[in-house]
Amino acid sequence: MPYLLGPSIGFGLVTASILALAAVGFTMQFGVTNILNLAYGEVMATSGFVALIVNRAGLSIWFGMAAAAVFGAALSYLLNRVIFIPFARRGTKLFGMVIVTIAVGLILENSILAITGPNFFSYIVPQESTYSVGFLILTTSQIVLMGLATLAMIAVHSLLRLTRLGMAMRATASDASLARGCGIRTERIVDAGWLISGAMCGIAGVALFINTTSFTSATANSFLVVIVAAAILGGVGQPYGAMLGALVIGLTSEIAAAFLNPAYKNVVAFVILVVVLLLRPQGILAQIAVQREIAR
């Protein structure tokens, strides 16, 4: 079935783009705070529903995406400030914080479910056109999503490598205590990290909902497993690794869906994850992580 290769690669690149947005934000949160935030999927979902409200008010979904980015940034910041940091200051360790984030995720998911019900929703988008780019077949929204993801990855790279904030974030992620000793105000750096990653989370939530056409309150949560897989594949805490992990999982899952069976879509991705981690447990690009306390 060679004729399936082009469309499957196209779908894979779109999935990889959405996954990169989400996985880079997810791994940035872990990098600056050492908190594995499993409420991330629910923040995506909540942001996606904020975009739905804006969209249903008659504005373009792209304005809705901007609103979702602001909301995702604010919600992530508040979750860290109001819930995660107080637990960390009371001495809660890594596993305990995972339980806390799961509890927060359940609260958010059930709050959305109570408000919206178990219904399917769709954004109002302009009429789609289909374009053939080489052997790829893509719609207008898919091209826009890929472009947004590319710009976001360039922005993340520029932030981390070319700005003082980015250098401070890398220093905090490497050793928060040493960074504080060097005069870096790590508390503000952590706040900035959660704001930036929260904005990416909000954009990823809307991108996911656009690509899935119809969605429920549980759609983003089911995508969280793939996000975590991409982050682990690249090395948790490594933004560049998350980009590469997203590309690998996005392409392999969509090609598997086309040539094998859609039911095997995520199975193949996780088989690759297991094989890579057996050969390189620290992930594709990461150095072996050392145990460290949660950054405050």
C-alpha atoms as a PDB file:
ATOM      1  CA  MET A   1       0.000   0.000   0.000  1.00  0.00           C
ATOM      2  CA  PRO A   2       2.577   2.590  -1.082  1.00  0.00           C
ATOM      3  CA  TYR A   3      -0.171   5.132  -1.752  1.00  0.00           C
ATOM      4  CA  LEU A   4      -0.767   5.312   2.006  1.00  0.00           C
ATOM      5  CA  LEU A   5       2.776   6.393   2.809  1.00  0.00           C
ATOM      6  CA  GLY A   6       2.404  10.049   1.789  1.00  0.00           C
ATOM      7  CA  PRO A   7      -0.801  10.740   3.758  1.00  0.00           C
ATOM      8  CA  SER A   8       0.469   8.791   6.770  1.00  0.00           C
ATOM      9  CA  ILE A   9       3.711  10.813   6.846  1.00  0.00           C
ATOM     10  CA  GLY A  10       1.627  13.990   6.558  1.00  0.00           C
ATOM     11  CA  PHE A  11      -0.593  12.942   9.472  1.00  0.00           C
ATOM     12  CA  GLY A  12       2.535  11.913  11.368  1.00  0.00           C
ATOM     13  CA  LEU A  13       4.132  15.334  10.940  1.00  0.00           C
ATOM     14  CA  VAL A  14       0.947  17.021  12.157  1.00  0.00           C
ATOM     15  CA  THR A  15       0.749  14.696  15.176  1.00  0.00           C
ATOM     16  CA  ALA A  16       4.445  15.286  15.845  1.00  0.00           C
ATOM     17  CA  SER A  17       3.885  19.050  15.713  1.00  0.00           C
ATOM     18  CA  ILE A  18       1.099  18.912  18.303  1.00  0.00           C
ATOM     19  CA  LEU A  19       3.071  16.461  20.395  1.00  0.00           C
ATOM     20  CA  ALA A  20       6.179  18.667  20.272  1.00  0.00           C
ATOM     21  CA  LEU A  21       4.206  21.673  21.559  1.00  0.00           C
ATOM     22  CA  ALA A  22       2.867  19.610  24.451  1.00  0.00           C
ATOM     23  CA  ALA A  23       5.982  17.565  25.249  1.00  0.00           C
ATOM     24  CA  VAL A  24       8.365  20.545  25.265  1.00  0.00           C
ATOM     25  CA  GLY A  25       6.086  22.406  27.692  1.00  0.00           C
ATOM     26  CA  PHE A  26       5.754  19.296  29.853  1.00  0.00           C
ATOM     27  CA  THR A  27       9.493  18.661  30.006  1.00  0.00           C
ATOM     28  CA  MET A  28      10.274  22.341  30.670  1.00  0.00           C
ATOM     29  CA  GLN A  29       8.103  22.179  33.787  1.00  0.00           C
ATOM     30  CA  PHE A  30      10.005  19.142  34.996  1.00  0.00           C
ATOM     31  CA  GLY A  31      13.325  20.685  34.063  1.00  0.00           C
ATOM     32  CA  VAL A  32      12.957  23.825  36.183  1.00  0.00           C
ATOM     33  CA  THR A  33      11.085  22.313  39.162  1.00  0.00           C
ATOM     34  CA  ASN A  34      11.576  18.520  39.076  1.00  0.00           C
ATOM     35  CA  ILE A  35       7.779  18.128  39.275  1.00  0.00           C
ATOM     36  CA  LEU A  36       6.287  15.505  36.968  1.00  0.00           C
ATOM     37  CA  ASN A  37       3.010  17.318  36.369  1.00  0.00           C
ATOM     38  CA  LEU A  38       0.414  14.685  35.448  1.00  0.00           C
ATOM     39  CA  ALA A  39      -2.317  17.330  35.558  1.00  0.00           C
ATOM     40  CA  TYR A  40      -0.846  18.635  32.297  1.00  0.00           C
ATOM     41  CA  GLY A  41      -3.476  16.946  30.119  1.00  0.00           C
ATOM     42  CA  GLU A  42      -6.304  18.540  32.095  1.00  0.00           C
ATOM     43  CA  VAL A  43      -4.697  21.972  31.758  1.00  0.00           C
ATOM     44  CA  MET A  44      -4.659  21.336  27.995  1.00  0.00           C
ATOM     45  CA  ALA A  45      -8.337  20.368  28.103  1.00  0.00           C
ATOM     46  CA  THR A  46      -9.377  23.357  30.213  1.00  0.00           C
ATOM     47  CA  SER A  47      -7.509  25.709  27.892  1.00  0.00           C
ATOM     48  CA  GLY A  48      -9.148  24.024  24.903  1.00  0.00           C
ATOM     49  CA  PHE A  49     -12.596  24.695  26.348  1.00  0.00           C
ATOM     50  CA  VAL A  50     -11.670  28.337  26.959  1.00  0.00           C
ATOM     51  CA  ALA A  51     -10.895  28.526  23.236  1.00  0.00           C
ATOM     52  CA  LEU A  52     -14.289  26.912  22.560  1.00  0.00           C
ATOM     53  CA  ILE A  53     -16.042  29.678  24.511  1.00  0.00           C
ATOM     54  CA  VAL A  54     -14.175  32.346  22.534  1.00  0.00           C
ATOM     55  CA  ASN A  55     -14.883  30.526  19.271  1.00  0.00           C
ATOM     56  CA  ARG A  56     -18.600  30.146  20.020  1.00  0.00           C
ATOM     57  CA  ALA A  57     -18.717  33.878  20.782  1.00  0.00           C
ATOM     58  CA  GLY A  58     -18.076  34.457  17.082  1.00  0.00           C
ATOM     59  CA  LEU A  59     -14.308  34.946  17.062  1.00  0.00           C
ATOM     60  CA  SER A  60     -11.806  32.982  15.013  1.00  0.00           C
ATOM     61  CA  ILE A  61     -10.392  29.821  16.563  1.00  0.00           C
ATOM     62  CA  TRP A  62      -6.951  31.419  16.257  1.00  0.00           C
ATOM     63  CA  PHE A  63      -8.100  34.145  18.678  1.00  0.00           C
ATOM     64  CA  GLY A  64      -9.374  31.290  20.805  1.00  0.00           C
ATOM     65  CA  MET A  65      -5.913  29.732  20.702  1.00  0.00           C
ATOM     66  CA  ALA A  66      -4.370  33.001  21.907  1.00  0.00           C
ATOM     67  CA  ALA A  67      -6.887  33.098  24.776  1.00  0.00           C
ATOM     68  CA  ALA A  68      -6.085  29.463  25.576  1.00  0.00           C
ATOM     69  CA  ALA A  69      -2.364  30.280  25.721  1.00  0.00           C
ATOM     70  CA  VAL A  70      -2.977  33.096  28.213  1.00  0.00           C
ATOM     71  CA  PHE A  71      -5.324  30.922  30.266  1.00  0.00           C
ATOM     72  CA  GLY A  72      -2.947  27.947  30.223  1.00  0.00           C
ATOM     73  CA  ALA A  73      -0.080  30.159  31.386  1.00  0.00           C
ATOM     74  CA  ALA A  74      -2.151  31.669  34.205  1.00  0.00           C
ATOM     75  CA  LEU A  75      -3.590  28.322  35.345  1.00  0.00           C
ATOM     76  CA  SER A  76      -0.182  26.618  35.335  1.00  0.00           C
ATOM     77  CA  TYR A  77       1.347  29.489  37.293  1.00  0.00           C
ATOM     78  CA  LEU A  78      -1.444  29.383  39.880  1.00  0.00           C
ATOM     79  CA  LEU A  79      -1.295  25.593  40.248  1.00  0.00           C
ATOM     80  CA  ASN A  80       2.411  25.793  40.949  1.00  0.00           C
ATOM     81  CA  ARG A  81       2.154  28.772  43.298  1.00  0.00           C
ATOM     82  CA  VAL A  82      -0.985  27.767  45.208  1.00  0.00           C
ATOM     83  CA  ILE A  83      -0.667  23.957  45.293  1.00  0.00           C
ATOM     84  CA  PHE A  84       2.671  22.503  44.212  1.00  0.00           C
ATOM     85  CA  ILE A  85       5.081  24.906  45.960  1.00  0.00           C
ATOM     86  CA  PRO A  86       3.320  24.670  49.367  1.00  0.00           C
ATOM     87  CA  PHE A  87       3.498  20.864  49.180  1.00  0.00           C
ATOM     88  CA  ALA A  88       7.183  21.039  48.180  1.00  0.00           C
ATOM     89  CA  ARG A  89       7.968  23.368  51.098  1.00  0.00           C
ATOM     90  CA  ARG A  90       6.389  20.859  53.459  1.00  0.00           C
ATOM     91  CA  GLY A  91       8.937  18.310  52.299  1.00  0.00           C
ATOM     92  CA  THR A  92       6.833  16.330  49.825  1.00  0.00           C
ATOM     93  CA  LYS A  93       9.183  14.264  47.660  1.00  0.00           C
ATOM     94  CA  LEU A  94       9.001  13.298  43.998  1.00  0.00           C
ATOM     95  CA  PHE A  95       6.529  10.411  44.293  1.00  0.00           C
ATOM     96  CA  GLY A  96       4.285  12.371  46.632  1.00  0.00           C
ATOM     97  CA  MET A  97       4.187  15.268  44.176  1.00  0.00           C
ATOM     98  CA  VAL A  98       3.154  12.892  41.392  1.00  0.00           C
ATOM     99  CA  ILE A  99       0.157  11.873  43.521  1.00  0.00           C
ATOM    100  CA  VAL A 100      -0.661  15.534  44.144  1.00  0.00           C
ATOM    101  CA  THR A 101      -0.590  16.331  40.414  1.00  0.00           C
ATOM    102  CA  ILE A 102      -2.829  13.332  39.668  1.00  0.00           C
ATOM    103  CA  ALA A 103      -5.318  14.589  42.279  1.00  0.00           C
ATOM    104  CA  VAL A 104      -5.260  18.077  40.744  1.00  0.00           C
ATOM    105  CA  GLY A 105      -5.814  16.554  37.294  1.00  0.00           C
ATOM    106  CA  LEU A 106      -8.823  14.583  38.507  1.00  0.00           C
ATOM    107  CA  ILE A 107     -10.317  17.714  40.062  1.00  0.00           C
ATOM    108  CA  LEU A 108      -9.898  19.649  36.815  1.00  0.00           C
ATOM    109  CA  GLU A 109     -11.214  16.823  34.622  1.00  0.00           C
ATOM    110  CA  ASN A 110     -14.307  16.255  36.746  1.00  0.00           C
ATOM    111  CA  SER A 111     -14.946  20.000  36.982  1.00  0.00           C
ATOM    112  CA  ILE A 112     -14.969  20.223  33.178  1.00  0.00           C
ATOM    113  CA  LEU A 113     -17.192  17.135  32.989  1.00  0.00           C
ATOM    114  CA  ALA A 114     -19.648  18.635  35.500  1.00  0.00           C
ATOM    115  CA  ILE A 115     -19.910  21.823  33.436  1.00  0.00           C
ATOM    116  CA  THR A 116     -19.933  20.420  29.902  1.00  0.00           C
ATOM    117  CA  GLY A 117     -21.303  16.904  30.405  1.00  0.00           C
ATOM    118  CA  PRO A 118     -20.130  13.854  28.435  1.00  0.00           C
ATOM    119  CA  ASN A 119     -20.793  15.585  25.120  1.00  0.00           C
ATOM    120  CA  PHE A 120     -18.744  15.960  21.970  1.00  0.00           C
ATOM    121  CA  PHE A 121     -17.756  19.458  20.882  1.00  0.00           C
ATOM    122  CA  SER A 122     -16.199  20.940  17.750  1.00  0.00           C
ATOM    123  CA  TYR A 123     -14.640  24.263  16.897  1.00  0.00           C
ATOM    124  CA  ILE A 124     -16.094  26.449  14.194  1.00  0.00           C
ATOM    125  CA  VAL A 125     -13.312  26.699  11.617  1.00  0.00           C
ATOM    126  CA  PRO A 126     -13.270  28.241   8.122  1.00  0.00           C
ATOM    127  CA  GLN A 127     -13.899  25.900   5.219  1.00  0.00           C
ATOM    128  CA  GLU A 128     -10.810  23.762   4.733  1.00  0.00           C
ATOM    129  CA  SER A 129      -8.827  23.507   1.522  1.00  0.00           C
ATOM    130  CA  THR A 130      -6.577  20.553   0.736  1.00  0.00           C
ATOM    131  CA  TYR A 131      -3.059  20.993  -0.608  1.00  0.00           C
ATOM    132  CA  SER A 132      -0.567  18.550  -2.063  1.00  0.00           C
ATOM    133  CA  VAL A 133       2.961  19.330  -0.925  1.00  0.00           C
ATOM    134  CA  GLY A 134       5.152  16.797  -2.719  1.00  0.00           C
ATOM    135  CA  PHE A 135       3.807  13.430  -1.613  1.00  0.00           C
ATOM    136  CA  LEU A 136       2.083  14.996   1.414  1.00  0.00           C
ATOM    137  CA  ILE A 137      -1.619  15.831   1.473  1.00  0.00           C
ATOM    138  CA  LEU A 138      -2.498  18.456   4.088  1.00  0.00           C
ATOM    139  CA  THR A 139      -5.414  20.718   4.979  1.00  0.00           C
ATOM    140  CA  THR A 140      -5.137  24.430   5.680  1.00  0.00           C
ATOM    141  CA  SER A 141      -5.419  23.999   9.444  1.00  0.00           C
ATOM    142  CA  GLN A 142      -2.811  21.224   9.458  1.00  0.00           C
ATOM    143  CA  ILE A 143      -0.331  23.447   7.620  1.00  0.00           C
ATOM    144  CA  VAL A 144      -1.024  26.276  10.078  1.00  0.00           C
ATOM    145  CA  LEU A 145      -0.542  23.939  13.046  1.00  0.00           C
ATOM    146  CA  MET A 146       2.768  22.692  11.664  1.00  0.00           C
ATOM    147  CA  GLY A 147       3.880  26.278  11.077  1.00  0.00           C
ATOM    148  CA  LEU A 148       2.903  27.291  14.616  1.00  0.00           C
ATOM    149  CA  ALA A 149       4.794  24.331  16.081  1.00  0.00           C
ATOM    150  CA  THR A 150       7.886  25.178  14.017  1.00  0.00           C
ATOM    151  CA  LEU A 151       7.790  28.808  15.162  1.00  0.00           C
ATOM    152  CA  ALA A 152       7.307  27.691  18.766  1.00  0.00           C
ATOM    153  CA  MET A 153      10.312  25.368  18.586  1.00  0.00           C
ATOM    154  CA  ILE A 154      12.447  28.154  17.103  1.00  0.00           C
ATOM    155  CA  ALA A 155      11.232  30.471  19.883  1.00  0.00           C
ATOM    156  CA  VAL A 156      12.106  27.907  22.564  1.00  0.00           C
ATOM    157  CA  HIS A 157      15.569  27.418  21.059  1.00  0.00           C
ATOM    158  CA  SER A 158      16.148  31.185  20.908  1.00  0.00           C
ATOM    159  CA  LEU A 159      14.929  31.593  24.484  1.00  0.00           C
ATOM    160  CA  LEU A 160      17.185  28.877  25.887  1.00  0.00           C
ATOM    161  CA  ARG A 161      20.309  29.750  23.916  1.00  0.00           C
ATOM    162  CA  LEU A 162      20.187  33.479  23.230  1.00  0.00           C
ATOM    163  CA  THR A 163      18.580  35.143  26.263  1.00  0.00           C
ATOM    164  CA  ARG A 164      19.612  35.691  29.884  1.00  0.00           C
ATOM    165  CA  LEU A 165      16.294  34.195  31.002  1.00  0.00           C
ATOM    166  CA  GLY A 166      17.021  31.047  29.020  1.00  0.00           C
ATOM    167  CA  MET A 167      20.509  30.737  30.483  1.00  0.00           C
ATOM    168  CA  ALA A 168      19.071  31.219  33.975  1.00  0.00           C
ATOM    169  CA  MET A 169      16.451  28.546  33.279  1.00  0.00           C
ATOM    170  CA  ARG A 170      19.139  26.106  32.144  1.00  0.00           C
ATOM    171  CA  ALA A 171      21.210  26.892  35.234  1.00  0.00           C
ATOM    172  CA  THR A 172      18.205  26.374  37.510  1.00  0.00           C
ATOM    173  CA  ALA A 173      17.346  23.099  35.793  1.00  0.00           C
ATOM    174  CA  SER A 174      20.934  21.903  36.156  1.00  0.00           C
ATOM    175  CA  ASP A 175      21.396  22.792  39.847  1.00  0.00           C
ATOM    176  CA  ALA A 176      18.899  25.090  41.582  1.00  0.00           C
ATOM    177  CA  SER A 177      21.017  25.472  44.747  1.00  0.00           C
ATOM    178  CA  LEU A 178      24.125  26.427  42.797  1.00  0.00           C
ATOM    179  CA  ALA A 179      22.084  28.836  40.661  1.00  0.00           C
ATOM    180  CA  ARG A 180      20.802  30.560  43.810  1.00  0.00           C
ATOM    181  CA  GLY A 181      24.353  30.767  45.095  1.00  0.00           C
ATOM    182  CA  CYS A 182      25.362  32.535  41.882  1.00  0.00           C
ATOM    183  CA  GLY A 183      22.717  35.208  42.434  1.00  0.00           C
ATOM    184  CA  ILE A 184      19.986  33.832  40.152  1.00  0.00           C
ATOM    185  CA  ARG A 185      16.523  34.429  41.588  1.00  0.00           C
ATOM    186  CA  THR A 186      15.369  30.881  41.013  1.00  0.00           C
ATOM    187  CA  GLU A 187      11.854  31.552  42.306  1.00  0.00           C
ATOM    188  CA  ARG A 188      11.235  34.024  39.494  1.00  0.00           C
ATOM    189  CA  ILE A 189      12.873  31.687  36.980  1.00  0.00           C
ATOM    190  CA  VAL A 190      10.548  28.871  38.061  1.00  0.00           C
ATOM    191  CA  ASP A 191       7.555  31.235  37.699  1.00  0.00           C
ATOM    192  CA  ALA A 192       8.698  32.150  34.186  1.00  0.00           C
ATOM    193  CA  GLY A 193       9.147  28.487  33.321  1.00  0.00           C
ATOM    194  CA  TRP A 194       5.599  27.650  34.375  1.00  0.00           C
ATOM    195  CA  LEU A 195       4.159  30.636  32.520  1.00  0.00           C
ATOM    196  CA  ILE A 196       5.974  29.741  29.286  1.00  0.00           C
ATOM    197  CA  SER A 197       5.236  26.030  29.504  1.00  0.00           C
ATOM    198  CA  GLY A 198       1.621  26.753  30.458  1.00  0.00           C
ATOM    199  CA  ALA A 199       1.195  28.901  27.363  1.00  0.00           C
ATOM    200  CA  MET A 200       2.566  26.059  25.228  1.00  0.00           C
ATOM    201  CA  CYS A 201       0.188  23.688  27.014  1.00  0.00           C
ATOM    202  CA  GLY A 202      -2.788  25.892  26.126  1.00  0.00           C
ATOM    203  CA  ILE A 203      -1.741  26.143  22.473  1.00  0.00           C
ATOM    204  CA  ALA A 204      -1.203  22.374  22.337  1.00  0.00           C
ATOM    205  CA  GLY A 205      -4.673  21.746  23.766  1.00  0.00           C
ATOM    206  CA  VAL A 206      -6.355  23.799  21.046  1.00  0.00           C
ATOM    207  CA  ALA A 207      -4.135  22.272  18.344  1.00  0.00           C
ATOM    208  CA  LEU A 208      -5.084  18.784  19.541  1.00  0.00           C
ATOM    209  CA  PHE A 209      -8.794  19.601  19.521  1.00  0.00           C
ATOM    210  CA  ILE A 210      -8.588  21.149  16.044  1.00  0.00           C
ATOM    211  CA  ASN A 211      -6.842  18.060  14.703  1.00  0.00           C
ATOM    212  CA  THR A 212      -9.245  15.572  16.318  1.00  0.00           C
ATOM    213  CA  THR A 213     -12.262  17.479  14.934  1.00  0.00           C
ATOM    214  CA  SER A 214     -14.553  16.523  17.846  1.00  0.00           C
ATOM    215  CA  PHE A 215     -13.514  16.285  21.464  1.00  0.00           C
ATOM    216  CA  THR A 216     -14.712  15.693  25.022  1.00  0.00           C
ATOM    217  CA  SER A 217     -13.418  16.570  28.456  1.00  0.00           C
ATOM    218  CA  ALA A 218     -11.292  13.372  28.411  1.00  0.00           C
ATOM    219  CA  THR A 219      -9.633  13.817  24.992  1.00  0.00           C
ATOM    220  CA  ALA A 220      -6.520  15.637  26.202  1.00  0.00           C
ATOM    221  CA  ASN A 221      -6.052  13.318  29.176  1.00  0.00           C
ATOM    222  CA  SER A 222      -5.854  10.291  26.876  1.00  0.00           C
ATOM    223  CA  PHE A 223      -3.161  12.168  24.893  1.00  0.00           C
ATOM    224  CA  LEU A 224      -1.112  12.694  28.065  1.00  0.00           C
ATOM    225  CA  VAL A 225       0.291   9.156  27.895  1.00  0.00           C
ATOM    226  CA  VAL A 226       1.788   9.900  24.477  1.00  0.00           C
ATOM    227  CA  ILE A 227       3.157  13.235  25.731  1.00  0.00           C
ATOM    228  CA  VAL A 228       4.917  11.509  28.621  1.00  0.00           C
ATOM    229  CA  ALA A 229       6.258   8.872  26.222  1.00  0.00           C
ATOM    230  CA  ALA A 230       7.737  11.549  23.933  1.00  0.00           C
ATOM    231  CA  ALA A 231       9.306  13.341  26.899  1.00  0.00           C
ATOM    232  CA  ILE A 232      10.806  10.116  28.273  1.00  0.00           C
ATOM    233  CA  LEU A 233      12.027   9.022  24.848  1.00  0.00           C
ATOM    234  CA  GLY A 234      13.979  12.245  24.433  1.00  0.00           C
ATOM    235  CA  GLY A 235      15.060  12.400  28.079  1.00  0.00           C
ATOM    236  CA  VAL A 236      12.809  14.050  30.672  1.00  0.00           C
ATOM    237  CA  GLY A 237      13.873  17.636  31.290  1.00  0.00           C
ATOM    238  CA  GLN A 238      15.461  17.957  27.838  1.00  0.00           C
ATOM    239  CA  PRO A 239      13.465  20.259  25.488  1.00  0.00           C
ATOM    240  CA  TYR A 240      15.465  19.210  22.414  1.00  0.00           C
ATOM    241  CA  GLY A 241      14.989  15.569  23.320  1.00  0.00           C
ATOM    242  CA  ALA A 242      11.241  16.167  23.625  1.00  0.00           C
ATOM    243  CA  MET A 243      11.207  17.626  20.097  1.00  0.00           C
ATOM    244  CA  LEU A 244      13.002  14.569  18.734  1.00  0.00           C
ATOM    245  CA  GLY A 245      10.829  12.182  20.768  1.00  0.00           C
ATOM    246  CA  ALA A 246       7.694  13.871  19.425  1.00  0.00           C
ATOM    247  CA  LEU A 247       8.911  13.469  15.847  1.00  0.00           C
ATOM    248  CA  VAL A 248       9.724   9.774  16.317  1.00  0.00           C
ATOM    249  CA  ILE A 249       6.450   8.910  18.041  1.00  0.00           C
ATOM    250  CA  GLY A 250       4.299  11.087  15.780  1.00  0.00           C
ATOM    251  CA  LEU A 251       5.627   9.518  12.576  1.00  0.00           C
ATOM    252  CA  THR A 252       5.739   5.908  13.776  1.00  0.00           C
ATOM    253  CA  SER A 253       2.257   5.965  15.284  1.00  0.00           C
ATOM    254  CA  GLU A 254       0.603   7.365  12.145  1.00  0.00           C
ATOM    255  CA  ILE A 255       2.521   5.080   9.763  1.00  0.00           C
ATOM    256  CA  ALA A 256       1.559   2.109  11.948  1.00  0.00           C
ATOM    257  CA  ALA A 257      -2.078   3.212  11.856  1.00  0.00           C
ATOM    258  CA  ALA A 258      -1.987   3.336   8.043  1.00  0.00           C
ATOM    259  CA  PHE A 259      -0.119   0.102   7.321  1.00  0.00           C
ATOM    260  CA  LEU A 260      -1.105  -2.111  10.243  1.00  0.00           C
ATOM    261  CA  ASN A 261      -4.228  -1.166  12.131  1.00  0.00           C
ATOM    262  CA  PRO A 262      -5.355   2.066  13.840  1.00  0.00           C
ATOM    263  CA  ALA A 263      -5.669   0.018  17.052  1.00  0.00           C
ATOM    264  CA  TYR A 264      -1.878  -0.450  16.989  1.00  0.00           C
ATOM    265  CA  LYS A 265      -1.226   3.268  16.650  1.00  0.00           C
ATOM    266  CA  ASN A 266       0.096   3.799  20.164  1.00  0.00           C
ATOM    267  CA  VAL A 267       1.317   0.231  20.624  1.00  0.00           C
ATOM    268  CA  VAL A 268       4.039   0.640  17.995  1.00  0.00           C
ATOM    269  CA  ALA A 269       5.103   3.958  19.497  1.00  0.00           C
ATOM    270  CA  PHE A 270       5.516   2.381  22.926  1.00  0.00           C
ATOM    271  CA  VAL A 271       7.369  -0.603  21.509  1.00  0.00           C
ATOM    272  CA  ILE A 272       9.904   1.851  20.062  1.00  0.00           C
ATOM    273  CA  LEU A 273      10.020   3.636  23.409  1.00  0.00           C
ATOM    274  CA  VAL A 274      10.768   0.384  25.255  1.00  0.00           C
ATOM    275  CA  VAL A 275      13.447  -0.660  22.749  1.00  0.00           C
ATOM    276  CA  VAL A 276      15.186   2.726  22.861  1.00  0.00           C
ATOM    277  CA  LEU A 277      15.143   2.830  26.653  1.00  0.00           C
ATOM    278  CA  LEU A 278      16.490  -0.708  26.873  1.00  0.00           C
ATOM    279  CA  LEU A 279      19.439   0.400  24.753  1.00  0.00           C
ATOM    280  CA  ARG A 280      19.738   3.918  26.192  1.00  0.00           C
ATOM    281  CA  PRO A 281      17.854   4.242  29.513  1.00  0.00           C
ATOM    282  CA  GLN A 282      18.567   7.964  29.867  1.00  0.00           C
ATOM    283  CA  GLY A 283      16.725   8.791  26.630  1.00  0.00           C
ATOM    284  CA  ILE A 284      17.944   9.790  23.188  1.00  0.00           C
ATOM    285  CA  LEU A 285      19.625  13.101  24.019  1.00  0.00           C
ATOM    286  CA  ALA A 286      19.727  13.261  27.805  1.00  0.00           C
ATOM    287  CA  GLN A 287      22.611  12.654  30.123  1.00  0.00           C
ATOM    288  CA  ILE A 288      21.905  10.279  33.002  1.00  0.00           C
ATOM    289  CA  ALA A 289      19.895  12.292  35.510  1.00  0.00           C
ATOM    290  CA  VAL A 290      20.973  12.652  39.096  1.00  0.00           C
ATOM    291  CA  GLN A 291      18.555  12.691  42.025  1.00  0.00           C
ATOM    292  CA  ARG A 292      17.663  16.207  43.042  1.00  0.00           C
ATOM    293  CA  GLU A 293      15.123  17.909  45.251  1.00  0.00           C
ATOM    294  CA  ILE A 294      12.133  19.812  43.961  1.00  0.00           C
ATOM    295  CA  ALA A 295      13.072  23.404  43.098  1.00  0.00           C
ATOM    296  CA  ARG A 296      11.268  25.936  45.226  1.00  0.00           C
END
